[in-house]
Protein backbone atom coordinates (compact mmCIF):
# COMPACT_ATOMS: atom_id res chain seq x y z
CA UNK A 1 -57.70 3.02 37.57
CA UNK A 2 -57.84 3.48 33.80
CA UNK A 3 -54.10 3.46 33.13
CA UNK A 4 -54.52 4.38 29.46
CA UNK A 5 -56.45 7.49 30.47
CA UNK A 6 -53.83 8.32 33.13
CA UNK A 7 -51.02 8.03 30.56
CA UNK A 8 -52.80 10.46 28.23
CA UNK A 9 -53.36 12.88 31.12
CA UNK A 10 -49.67 12.90 32.02
CA UNK A 11 -48.25 12.97 28.50
CA UNK A 12 -50.85 14.51 26.16
CA UNK A 13 -48.24 15.74 23.69
CA UNK A 14 -46.57 12.34 23.17
CA UNK A 15 -48.26 10.96 20.05
CA UNK A 16 -45.68 8.38 18.98
CA UNK A 17 -45.85 4.80 20.22
CA UNK A 18 -43.16 2.22 20.97
CA UNK A 19 -44.06 0.57 17.66
CA UNK A 20 -42.90 3.69 15.86
CA UNK A 21 -39.45 3.51 17.44
CA UNK A 22 -39.24 -0.26 16.99
CA UNK A 23 -39.65 0.33 13.27
CA UNK A 24 -37.27 3.30 13.20
CA UNK A 25 -34.54 1.33 15.00
CA UNK A 26 -34.88 -2.24 13.73
CA UNK A 27 -32.57 -5.12 14.70
CA UNK A 28 -29.15 -4.58 13.15
CA UNK A 29 -28.14 -6.51 10.05
CA UNK A 30 -24.93 -8.07 11.37
CA UNK A 31 -23.16 -11.44 11.06
CA UNK A 32 -24.25 -14.13 13.48
CA UNK A 33 -22.42 -13.80 16.79
CA UNK A 34 -21.59 -10.14 16.19
CA UNK A 35 -21.65 -8.11 19.40
CA UNK A 36 -23.02 -4.59 19.76
CA UNK A 37 -21.44 -2.71 22.66
CA UNK A 38 -21.46 0.82 23.95
CA UNK A 39 -19.40 3.06 26.17
CA UNK A 40 -21.68 5.54 27.90
CA UNK A 41 -19.80 8.15 29.98
CA UNK A 42 -21.16 11.31 31.55
CA UNK A 43 -19.54 14.58 30.35
CA UNK A 44 -18.29 15.66 33.76
CA UNK A 45 -14.83 16.86 32.71
CA UNK A 46 -12.77 14.11 34.29
CA UNK A 47 -11.80 11.06 32.22
CA UNK A 48 -10.73 8.31 34.64
CA UNK A 49 -7.99 5.84 33.76
CA UNK A 50 -10.39 3.12 34.89
CA UNK A 51 -12.57 4.01 31.92
CA UNK A 52 -9.98 2.36 29.66
CA UNK A 53 -11.02 -1.02 31.04
CA UNK A 54 -14.69 -1.15 29.99
CA UNK A 55 -14.00 0.83 26.82
CA UNK A 56 -11.25 -1.61 25.76
CA UNK A 57 -13.47 -4.60 26.48
CA UNK A 58 -16.31 -3.00 24.51
CA UNK A 59 -14.07 -2.24 21.55
CA UNK A 60 -12.44 -5.67 21.45
CA UNK A 61 -15.68 -7.64 21.76
CA UNK A 62 -17.40 -5.60 19.06
CA UNK A 63 -14.62 -5.43 16.52
CA UNK A 64 -13.32 -8.97 16.91
CA UNK A 65 -16.84 -10.28 16.29
CA UNK A 66 -17.67 -8.06 13.31
CA UNK A 67 -20.06 -6.00 15.43
CA UNK A 68 -20.54 -2.34 16.32
CA UNK A 69 -19.06 -0.18 19.07
CA UNK A 70 -20.91 3.01 20.04
CA UNK A 71 -20.13 6.02 22.19
CA UNK A 72 -23.26 7.33 23.89
CA UNK A 73 -23.10 10.50 25.95
CA UNK A 74 -25.21 10.20 29.09
CA UNK A 75 -25.82 13.86 29.89
CA UNK A 76 -29.09 13.63 31.80
CA UNK A 77 -27.51 15.21 34.88
CA UNK A 78 -27.03 18.79 33.66
CA UNK A 79 -25.72 19.97 37.05
CA UNK A 80 -22.55 17.89 36.67
CA UNK A 81 -21.98 18.60 32.99
CA UNK A 82 -18.78 20.42 31.98
CA UNK A 83 -18.62 22.39 28.74
CA UNK A 84 -16.42 20.73 26.12
CA UNK A 85 -16.20 17.46 28.07
CA UNK A 86 -17.86 15.44 25.30
CA UNK A 87 -15.05 16.09 22.84
CA UNK A 88 -12.46 15.62 25.58
CA UNK A 89 -13.85 12.11 26.11
CA UNK A 90 -13.70 11.28 22.42
CA UNK A 91 -10.19 12.68 21.97
CA UNK A 92 -8.93 10.96 25.11
CA UNK A 93 -9.99 7.49 24.09
CA UNK A 94 -9.18 7.86 20.40
CA UNK A 95 -5.67 8.89 21.56
CA UNK A 96 -5.35 5.35 22.92
CA UNK A 97 -6.46 3.78 19.66
CA UNK A 98 -10.10 3.25 20.65
CA UNK A 99 -12.19 3.46 17.48
CA UNK A 100 -15.87 4.29 17.79
CA UNK A 101 -18.16 3.24 14.97
CA UNK A 102 -21.06 5.45 16.03
CA UNK A 103 -21.09 8.60 18.19
CA UNK A 104 -22.06 12.27 18.25
CA UNK A 105 -19.10 12.81 15.88
CA UNK A 106 -19.18 9.67 13.74
CA UNK A 107 -22.96 9.61 13.35
CA UNK A 108 -24.95 6.42 12.81
CA UNK A 109 -28.46 5.13 12.13
CA UNK A 110 -29.31 4.54 15.79
CA UNK A 111 -28.84 8.06 17.15
CA UNK A 112 -29.11 10.61 18.54
CA UNK A 113 -26.09 9.55 20.60
CA UNK A 114 -26.57 12.24 23.22
CA UNK A 115 -29.28 11.39 25.77
CA UNK A 116 -30.43 14.98 26.14
CA UNK A 117 -31.50 14.79 22.47
CA UNK A 118 -33.69 11.72 23.11
CA UNK A 119 -36.19 13.18 25.59
CA UNK A 120 -39.25 12.46 23.43
CA UNK A 121 -38.19 8.81 23.06
CA UNK A 122 -37.96 8.30 26.81
CA UNK A 123 -41.31 9.98 27.39
CA UNK A 124 -42.90 7.71 24.82
CA UNK A 125 -41.79 4.66 26.76
CA UNK A 126 -42.68 6.35 30.05
CA UNK A 127 -46.20 6.82 28.72
CA UNK A 128 -46.20 3.15 27.74
CA UNK A 129 -45.24 2.12 31.28
CA UNK A 130 -48.00 4.25 32.79
CA UNK A 131 -50.54 2.88 30.31
CA UNK A 132 -49.63 -0.65 31.37
CA UNK A 133 -49.69 0.01 35.11
CA UNK A 134 -45.90 -0.13 35.59
CA UNK A 135 -45.36 3.54 36.50
CA UNK A 136 -47.15 6.34 38.31
CA UNK A 137 -46.73 10.06 39.08
CA UNK A 138 -45.35 11.07 42.46
CA UNK A 139 -46.07 14.58 43.75
CA UNK A 140 -44.07 14.34 47.00
CA UNK A 141 -42.17 17.52 47.77
CA UNK A 142 -38.49 17.62 48.75
CA UNK A 143 -39.56 18.33 52.33
CA UNK A 144 -41.85 15.30 52.39
CA UNK A 145 -39.08 13.07 51.05
CA UNK A 146 -36.66 14.42 53.66
CA UNK A 147 -39.20 13.61 56.36
CA UNK A 148 -39.64 10.11 54.96
CA UNK A 149 -35.88 9.58 54.94
CA UNK A 150 -35.58 10.77 58.53
CA UNK A 151 -38.24 8.26 59.59
CA UNK A 152 -36.32 5.47 57.87
CA UNK A 153 -33.06 6.46 59.48
CA UNK A 154 -34.71 6.50 62.87
CA UNK A 155 -36.23 3.07 62.22
CA UNK A 156 -32.85 1.88 60.82
CA UNK A 157 -34.42 0.42 57.68
CA UNK A 158 -33.36 0.49 54.04
CA UNK A 159 -33.88 3.99 52.64
CA UNK A 160 -36.13 4.41 49.63
CA UNK A 161 -39.68 4.84 48.39
CA UNK A 162 -41.42 1.53 49.10
CA UNK A 163 -43.96 -0.27 51.29
CA UNK A 164 -45.40 1.80 54.09
CA UNK A 165 -43.33 4.81 53.01
CA UNK A 166 -45.11 5.15 49.67
CA UNK A 167 -47.62 8.03 49.44
CA UNK A 168 -48.53 8.51 45.78
CA UNK A 169 -48.63 4.97 44.44
CA UNK A 170 -52.40 4.57 44.73
CA UNK A 171 -53.60 8.07 43.94
CA UNK A 172 -56.89 8.11 42.07
CA UNK A 173 -57.19 9.63 38.62
CA UNK A 174 -59.05 12.58 40.14
CA UNK A 175 -56.31 13.18 42.71
CA UNK A 176 -53.63 13.12 39.99
CA UNK A 177 -55.70 15.51 37.88
CA UNK A 178 -56.18 17.89 40.82
CA UNK A 179 -52.45 17.96 41.55
CA UNK A 180 -51.68 18.73 37.93
CA UNK A 181 -54.25 21.54 37.82
CA UNK A 182 -52.70 22.96 40.99
CA UNK A 183 -49.37 23.13 39.13
CA UNK A 184 -47.61 20.64 41.37
CA UNK A 185 -44.52 19.13 39.76
CA UNK A 186 -44.17 15.37 39.67
CA UNK A 187 -41.63 12.66 39.04
CA UNK A 188 -42.55 9.39 37.40
CA UNK A 189 -41.85 6.31 39.54
CA UNK A 190 -41.56 2.66 38.65
CA UNK A 191 -44.21 0.47 40.25
CA UNK A 192 -42.15 -2.37 41.70
CA UNK A 193 -43.78 -5.65 42.65
CA UNK A 194 -40.56 -7.00 44.13
CA UNK A 195 -39.89 -8.20 47.64
CA UNK A 196 -36.66 -7.50 49.51
CA UNK A 197 -36.98 -10.92 51.13
CA UNK A 198 -36.45 -12.58 47.75
CA UNK A 199 -33.29 -13.20 45.73
CA UNK A 200 -32.95 -12.80 41.98
CA UNK A 201 -30.73 -15.24 40.09
CA UNK A 202 -28.72 -13.48 37.39
CA UNK A 203 -25.82 -14.63 35.22
CA UNK A 204 -22.96 -12.20 34.73
CA UNK A 205 -20.46 -13.12 32.01
CA UNK A 206 -17.52 -12.20 34.24
CA UNK A 207 -18.71 -12.94 37.76
CA UNK A 208 -20.81 -16.00 36.92
CA UNK A 209 -24.10 -16.95 38.55
CA UNK A 210 -25.23 -14.40 41.12
CA UNK A 211 -28.03 -14.12 43.64
CA UNK A 212 -28.95 -10.51 44.39
CA UNK A 213 -31.71 -9.08 46.55
CA UNK A 214 -34.84 -8.39 44.55
CA UNK A 215 -35.75 -4.76 44.01
CA UNK A 216 -38.73 -3.53 46.03
CA UNK A 217 -38.19 0.22 45.64
CA UNK A 218 -40.28 2.45 43.39
CA UNK A 219 -37.33 4.23 41.80
CA UNK A 220 -37.68 7.46 39.84
CA UNK A 221 -37.88 6.93 36.08
CA UNK A 222 -38.34 10.53 34.94
CA UNK A 223 -37.41 13.59 36.96
CA UNK A 224 -39.75 16.55 37.32
CA UNK A 225 -38.26 18.18 34.19
CA UNK A 226 -39.10 15.10 32.15
CA UNK A 227 -35.46 14.02 31.88
CA UNK A 228 -34.89 10.34 32.65
CA UNK A 229 -32.64 8.85 35.29
CA UNK A 230 -29.81 6.58 34.20
CA UNK A 231 -31.95 3.51 34.83
CA UNK A 232 -34.76 4.47 32.47
CA UNK A 233 -32.46 5.95 29.82
CA UNK A 234 -30.07 3.03 29.64
CA UNK A 235 -32.91 0.52 29.30
CA UNK A 236 -34.54 2.37 26.41
CA UNK A 237 -31.25 3.23 24.70
CA UNK A 238 -29.70 -0.22 24.98
CA UNK A 239 -32.84 -1.77 23.53
CA UNK A 240 -33.33 0.66 20.64
CA UNK A 241 -29.62 0.77 19.83
CA UNK A 242 -29.73 -3.03 19.85
CA UNK A 243 -26.95 -3.40 22.40
CA UNK A 244 -26.14 -7.08 22.96
CA UNK A 245 -23.55 -6.75 25.76
CA UNK A 246 -23.50 -4.15 28.54
CA UNK A 247 -20.02 -3.75 30.03
CA UNK A 248 -19.84 -1.52 33.11
CA UNK A 249 -18.37 -1.24 36.59
CA UNK A 250 -19.40 -3.55 39.40
CA UNK A 251 -20.83 -0.59 41.34
CA UNK A 252 -23.93 -1.11 39.17
CA UNK A 253 -24.50 -4.68 40.38
CA UNK A 254 -26.94 -3.70 43.18
CA UNK A 255 -29.10 -1.98 40.54
CA UNK A 256 -29.24 -5.05 38.30
CA UNK A 257 -32.44 -6.56 39.82
CA UNK A 258 -34.21 -3.25 39.20
CA UNK A 259 -32.94 -3.19 35.62
CA UNK A 260 -34.23 -6.72 35.09
CA UNK A 261 -37.66 -5.61 36.30
CA UNK A 262 -37.56 -2.53 34.09
CA UNK A 263 -36.62 -4.46 30.96
CA UNK A 264 -39.43 -6.92 31.65
CA UNK A 265 -41.98 -4.14 32.17
CA UNK A 266 -40.91 -2.50 28.91
CA UNK A 267 -41.12 -5.80 27.07
CA UNK A 268 -37.43 -5.67 26.13
CA UNK A 269 -35.03 -8.56 25.79
CA UNK A 270 -32.37 -8.32 28.47
CA UNK A 271 -28.82 -7.78 27.15
CA UNK A 272 -25.94 -9.80 28.49
CA UNK A 273 -24.23 -8.05 31.39
CA UNK A 274 -20.55 -7.91 32.29
CA UNK A 275 -19.59 -6.10 35.49
CA UNK A 276 -15.90 -5.23 35.74
CA UNK A 277 -14.40 -5.04 39.22
CA UNK A 278 -13.15 -1.71 40.43
CA UNK A 279 -9.56 -0.74 39.73
CA UNK A 280 -7.58 -0.98 42.96
CA UNK A 281 -4.21 0.26 44.19
CA UNK A 282 -2.00 -0.76 47.09
CA UNK A 283 -1.70 1.52 50.10
CA UNK A 284 0.78 -0.28 52.29
CA UNK A 285 -0.59 -3.80 52.35
CA UNK A 286 -4.22 -2.74 51.93
CA UNK A 287 -6.08 -2.48 48.64
CA UNK A 288 -7.92 0.78 47.99
CA UNK A 289 -10.06 1.96 45.11
CA UNK A 290 -8.12 4.13 42.63
CA UNK A 291 -9.68 7.54 43.29
CA UNK A 292 -9.63 10.76 41.27
CA UNK A 293 -6.99 12.16 43.63
CA UNK A 294 -4.47 9.37 43.04
CA UNK A 295 -1.53 9.83 40.67
CA UNK A 296 -2.36 8.24 37.35
CA UNK A 297 -6.13 8.29 37.89
CA UNK A 298 -6.82 10.89 35.20
CA UNK A 299 -6.26 10.17 31.52
CA UNK A 300 -4.62 13.56 30.88
CA UNK A 301 -1.77 12.52 33.19
CA UNK A 302 -0.63 10.05 30.54
CA UNK A 303 -0.58 12.73 27.85
CA UNK A 304 1.62 15.16 29.77
CA UNK A 305 3.96 12.47 31.11
CA UNK A 306 4.55 11.12 27.63
CA UNK A 307 3.13 7.60 27.79
CA UNK A 308 2.89 6.15 24.31
CA UNK A 309 -0.72 5.06 23.71
CA UNK A 310 0.46 1.61 22.62
CA UNK A 311 2.15 1.15 25.99
CA UNK A 312 -0.91 2.00 28.02
CA UNK A 313 -3.10 -0.22 25.84
CA UNK A 314 -0.68 -3.10 26.29
CA UNK A 315 -0.69 -2.63 30.07
CA UNK A 316 -4.48 -2.53 30.19
CA UNK A 317 -4.59 -5.77 28.22
CA UNK A 318 -2.26 -7.49 30.71
CA UNK A 319 -4.82 -6.70 33.41
CA UNK A 320 -7.89 -7.62 31.40
CA UNK A 321 -6.85 -11.03 30.08
CA UNK A 322 -4.77 -13.41 32.18
CA UNK A 323 -3.18 -15.07 29.13
CA UNK A 324 -2.08 -11.89 27.37
CA UNK A 325 1.48 -11.84 28.69
CA UNK A 326 2.05 -15.44 27.59
CA UNK A 327 0.73 -14.52 24.15
CA UNK A 328 3.01 -11.48 23.97
CA UNK A 329 6.09 -13.53 24.90
CA UNK A 330 5.24 -15.96 22.10
CA UNK A 331 4.46 -13.11 19.68
CA UNK A 332 6.80 -10.25 20.63
CA UNK A 333 6.34 -8.29 17.40
CA UNK A 334 2.71 -9.09 16.62
CA UNK A 335 0.06 -6.36 16.37
CA UNK A 336 -1.95 -6.31 19.60
CA UNK A 337 -5.15 -6.44 17.56
CA UNK A 338 -4.25 -10.02 16.67
CA UNK A 339 -4.58 -11.09 20.30
CA UNK A 340 -7.76 -13.18 20.71
CA UNK A 341 -9.44 -11.32 23.56
CA UNK A 342 -11.68 -13.60 25.63
CA UNK A 343 -14.32 -12.88 28.27
CA UNK A 344 -13.46 -16.16 30.03
CA UNK A 345 -9.93 -14.88 30.69
CA UNK A 346 -11.17 -11.85 32.64
CA UNK A 347 -10.75 -11.98 36.40
CA UNK A 348 -13.93 -11.68 38.48
CA UNK A 349 -11.91 -10.27 41.39
CA UNK A 350 -10.63 -7.20 39.59
CA UNK A 351 -7.31 -5.57 38.78
CA UNK A 352 -4.52 -3.98 40.79
CA UNK A 353 -3.13 -0.76 39.32
CA UNK A 354 0.66 -0.83 39.48
CA UNK A 355 2.58 2.15 38.10
CA UNK A 356 5.90 0.26 38.25
CA UNK A 357 4.43 -2.57 36.16
CA UNK A 358 3.03 -0.04 33.71
CA UNK A 359 6.47 1.53 33.27
CA UNK A 360 8.05 -1.89 32.72
CA UNK A 361 5.50 -2.60 30.02
CA UNK A 362 6.29 0.79 28.48
CA UNK A 363 10.00 -0.04 28.30
CA UNK A 364 9.25 -3.31 26.55
CA UNK A 365 6.89 -1.75 24.03
CA UNK A 366 9.13 1.25 23.27
CA UNK A 367 12.15 -1.06 22.86
CA UNK A 368 10.35 -2.81 20.00
CA UNK A 369 9.79 0.44 18.08
CA UNK A 370 12.21 1.46 15.33
CA UNK A 371 14.10 4.75 15.45
CA UNK A 372 11.80 6.47 12.95
CA UNK A 373 8.72 5.62 15.01
CA UNK A 374 10.32 6.79 18.25
CA UNK A 375 11.49 10.02 16.61
CA UNK A 376 8.03 10.81 15.24
CA UNK A 377 6.28 10.04 18.52
CA UNK A 378 8.76 11.92 20.71
CA UNK A 379 8.77 15.04 18.54
CA UNK A 380 4.97 14.92 18.34
CA UNK A 381 4.74 14.82 22.13
CA UNK A 382 7.52 17.37 22.70
CA UNK A 383 5.97 19.92 20.37
CA UNK A 384 3.20 20.39 22.94
CA UNK A 385 4.85 19.45 26.22
CA UNK A 386 8.59 20.22 25.85
CA UNK A 387 9.35 22.85 23.16
CA UNK A 388 13.06 22.89 24.00
CA UNK A 389 13.40 19.16 23.33
CA UNK A 390 11.34 19.50 20.15
CA UNK A 391 13.63 22.23 18.86
CA UNK A 392 16.76 20.17 19.58
CA UNK A 393 15.47 16.98 17.99
CA UNK A 394 14.09 18.64 14.87
CA UNK A 395 17.16 20.82 14.30
CA UNK A 396 18.93 17.85 12.66
CA UNK A 397 16.43 14.97 12.27
CA UNK A 398 19.00 12.51 10.91
CA UNK A 399 21.30 13.14 13.88
CA UNK A 400 18.39 12.62 16.28
CA UNK A 401 17.28 9.41 14.54
CA UNK A 402 20.81 8.01 14.87
CA UNK A 403 20.74 8.76 18.61
CA UNK A 404 17.34 7.13 19.08
CA UNK A 405 18.40 4.15 16.98
CA UNK A 406 21.20 3.02 19.32
CA UNK A 407 20.55 -0.48 20.60
CA UNK A 408 17.33 -0.98 18.63
CA UNK A 409 16.59 -4.19 16.78
CA UNK A 410 17.96 -7.61 17.55
CA UNK A 411 16.87 -10.17 20.09
CA UNK A 412 17.70 -8.01 23.11
CA UNK A 413 17.01 -4.33 22.37
CA UNK A 414 17.90 -1.69 24.95
CA UNK A 415 15.17 -0.61 27.34
CA UNK A 416 16.29 2.85 28.38
CA UNK A 417 13.07 4.72 27.64
CA UNK A 418 9.63 4.20 29.18
CA UNK A 419 8.08 7.66 28.75
CA UNK A 420 8.71 10.40 26.21
CA UNK A 421 9.49 12.83 29.02
CA UNK A 422 12.56 10.65 29.80
CA UNK A 423 14.03 11.17 26.33
CA UNK A 424 15.44 14.60 27.19
CA UNK A 425 17.65 13.19 29.92
CA UNK A 426 18.50 10.15 27.80
CA UNK A 427 19.78 12.22 24.85
CA UNK A 428 21.12 15.17 26.85
CA UNK A 429 24.83 14.41 26.39
CA UNK A 430 24.42 14.48 22.61
CA UNK A 431 23.56 18.21 22.73
CA UNK A 432 25.92 20.85 24.06
CA UNK A 433 22.92 22.84 25.37
CA UNK A 434 22.03 19.99 27.73
CA UNK A 435 25.40 18.35 28.39
CA UNK A 436 26.50 18.26 32.03
CA UNK A 437 28.89 16.02 33.96
CA UNK A 438 26.96 14.43 36.81
CA UNK A 439 29.23 11.46 37.57
CA UNK A 440 32.58 11.17 39.33
CA UNK A 441 35.66 9.61 37.77
CA UNK A 442 36.56 6.16 39.17
CA UNK A 443 38.01 6.72 42.64
CA UNK A 444 40.80 4.18 42.12
CA UNK A 445 42.17 5.98 39.04
CA UNK A 446 44.83 8.48 40.09
CA UNK A 447 44.40 12.01 38.67
CA UNK A 448 47.73 11.70 36.84
CA UNK A 449 46.62 8.41 35.26
CA UNK A 450 43.31 9.99 34.26
CA UNK A 451 45.13 12.80 32.44
CA UNK A 452 47.30 10.29 30.56
CA UNK A 453 44.32 8.11 29.59
CA UNK A 454 42.11 10.94 28.37
CA UNK A 455 44.91 12.79 26.58
CA UNK A 456 46.13 9.64 24.83
CA UNK A 457 42.62 8.76 23.70
CA UNK A 458 41.95 12.29 22.43
CA UNK A 459 45.17 12.20 20.41
CA UNK A 460 44.54 8.75 18.95
CA UNK A 461 40.75 8.59 18.44
CA UNK A 462 39.82 7.59 14.88
CA UNK A 463 36.08 7.75 14.19
CA UNK A 464 36.51 5.66 11.03
CA UNK A 465 37.89 2.65 12.95
CA UNK A 466 35.64 -0.38 13.35
CA UNK A 467 34.59 -1.46 16.85
CA UNK A 468 37.34 -4.05 17.23
CA UNK A 469 40.09 -1.59 16.30
CA UNK A 470 38.50 1.07 18.53
CA UNK A 471 38.53 -1.22 21.55
CA UNK A 472 42.06 -2.45 20.79
CA UNK A 473 43.12 1.21 20.95
CA UNK A 474 41.59 1.59 24.41
CA UNK A 475 43.30 -1.61 25.54
CA UNK A 476 46.66 -0.32 24.30
CA UNK A 477 46.20 2.94 26.24
CA UNK A 478 45.27 1.01 29.38
CA UNK A 479 48.35 -1.17 29.18
CA UNK A 480 50.62 1.82 28.49
CA UNK A 481 49.50 3.40 31.77
CA UNK A 482 49.96 0.17 33.74
CA UNK A 483 46.34 -1.09 33.71
CA UNK A 484 45.38 -4.63 32.81
CA UNK A 485 44.07 -4.88 29.25
CA UNK A 486 42.30 -8.11 30.13
CA UNK A 487 39.95 -8.66 33.07
CA UNK A 488 41.03 -12.28 33.53
CA UNK A 489 44.64 -11.22 33.95
CA UNK A 490 43.63 -8.58 36.47
CA UNK A 491 41.54 -10.99 38.53
CA UNK A 492 44.39 -13.52 38.54
CA UNK A 493 47.05 -11.04 39.73
CA UNK A 494 45.48 -7.68 40.70
CA UNK A 495 48.60 -6.61 42.58
CA UNK A 496 50.51 -6.35 39.29
CA UNK A 497 48.33 -3.56 37.91
CA UNK A 498 47.23 -0.03 38.76
CA UNK A 499 43.69 -0.99 37.71
CA UNK A 500 41.96 -2.66 34.79
CA UNK A 501 40.48 -1.81 31.41
CA UNK A 502 37.04 -1.32 32.94
CA UNK A 503 38.45 1.61 34.93
CA UNK A 504 39.90 3.11 31.77
CA UNK A 505 36.61 2.69 29.90
CA UNK A 506 34.74 4.35 32.76
CA UNK A 507 37.04 7.36 32.60
CA UNK A 508 36.19 7.73 28.92
CA UNK A 509 32.47 7.21 29.54
CA UNK A 510 32.30 9.90 32.24
CA UNK A 511 34.36 12.31 30.14
CA UNK A 512 32.27 11.87 27.00
CA UNK A 513 28.76 11.38 28.43
CA UNK A 514 29.02 12.87 31.91
CA UNK A 515 27.47 9.75 33.46
CA UNK A 516 28.39 6.24 34.56
CA UNK A 517 25.76 4.50 32.47
CA UNK A 518 25.05 5.10 28.81
CA UNK A 519 24.35 3.25 25.57
CA UNK A 520 27.16 1.56 23.64
CA UNK A 521 30.16 3.94 23.78
CA UNK A 522 31.42 3.04 20.33
CA UNK A 523 28.07 4.09 18.81
CA UNK A 524 27.87 7.15 21.05
CA UNK A 525 31.28 8.40 19.93
CA UNK A 526 30.51 7.73 16.25
CA UNK A 527 27.39 9.87 16.50
CA UNK A 528 29.04 12.67 18.51
CA UNK A 529 31.96 12.82 16.08
CA UNK A 530 35.69 13.14 16.65
CA UNK A 531 35.63 16.88 17.34
CA UNK A 532 33.21 16.63 20.30
CA UNK A 533 34.76 13.42 21.66
CA UNK A 534 38.24 14.90 21.59
CA UNK A 535 37.15 18.19 23.12
CA UNK A 536 35.33 16.50 25.99
CA UNK A 537 38.23 14.18 26.77
CA UNK A 538 40.69 17.08 26.88
CA UNK A 539 38.31 19.16 29.00
CA UNK A 540 37.94 16.29 31.48
CA UNK A 541 41.74 15.84 31.57
CA UNK A 542 42.11 19.45 32.70
CA UNK A 543 39.31 19.29 35.27
């Protein structure tokens, strides 16, 4: 077979050579050790939470090494494509602080960054493979392939186009020409010389040294419409875009021996591979893959629920690098970008998605934010997802900032808020439109005592008093009603008292906030003001 002649027969309109593209996309001029990474999703309309793992690794490795991070849209499967999904992908990840250096939006010298715009490039390299005896046209119909598959199922052998099941691998030039003249469509297949009895030794930067069954299947390189499969496209793109590290899910590991063969046939240097284990969740005591149907699987869930991007990023980092939490404890206020991300600290066994752990991380991260930051982020979220809350918070911004500033700063800040959707409930008692009494008064405080306590406080409350004087006033009221003003005294002789100062304080808390738990009551009352505090105490006394 004259493979050069066959290549020209199949692709007469392809006049550019690999040398042309090698010159157009030369090696990048980057510092030594700089990594070039890419995130390459398909625009199918669903952005999975698990995508944050490879995209975060890609971004960290590239930017911490002075390299380049690309977004490449792999849209070769038009049947699954969803209109507008490309921009949804970009917006979703940029929402979480992921910065792309090159993409369909940001541009770059190594584009196009949409695979459907690179058809001529793939066909150039397909022609090269044919010309060098590494690929051939296959004219098998869908019916013939179904028949072949049925035979394999009956024989209980590995499915695929290989060995005795191959029909078009050794067609003569004349037979190929006759099929083309007859108008028969064809796919282009890779001519594998592998043997399924052999093992291929491959080093993965996360999983270590691996031995995987050698590829013996003649996989499809180009479909009948001339569009490449993932395998062909990723090899050509990663080479021409000068990708140094390929980070992807471990579901691609079985394809790795084929990719090694393909890179060798194309004359490309193999990039370094990192296969991240699938994100799992617990179902009872069993671990299951986090599927699209599970709560928290889709990125948009985190938008509507009000997860601050910083919180989600921090959680992802706790799963990606085993030493991150130790670093965060030692550097509680440091920018996360200062964390030295390391491949060696990634677990080869994968991550367990834990919503409770995520929410704990959120509380920690939000607690470190100042009131201005929280106000801006909450109102930004509420404008789209909770207009009522947005209207309340923006009606008097200074009032809202004072509310959100309670307990912030210091060595042990309060951790009341994990998600922005929780803010409405948290601040509800500060706004008459939302205020409700959901807690009961202490059962051991007699109704008559409650009336005395609340009335006396309403009559004596001075919002200008400092915290010591304010609490001394509550103690005096407690003692006047026969309650211990000191817990030690009560514990020593409880029979002498009708209750203790904690009971009195709880009466005030329920009256003013409508709940049993709230931020510091002195600060709460200062923000509410004497008029509201007095009115609520008197209303509770009459209830």
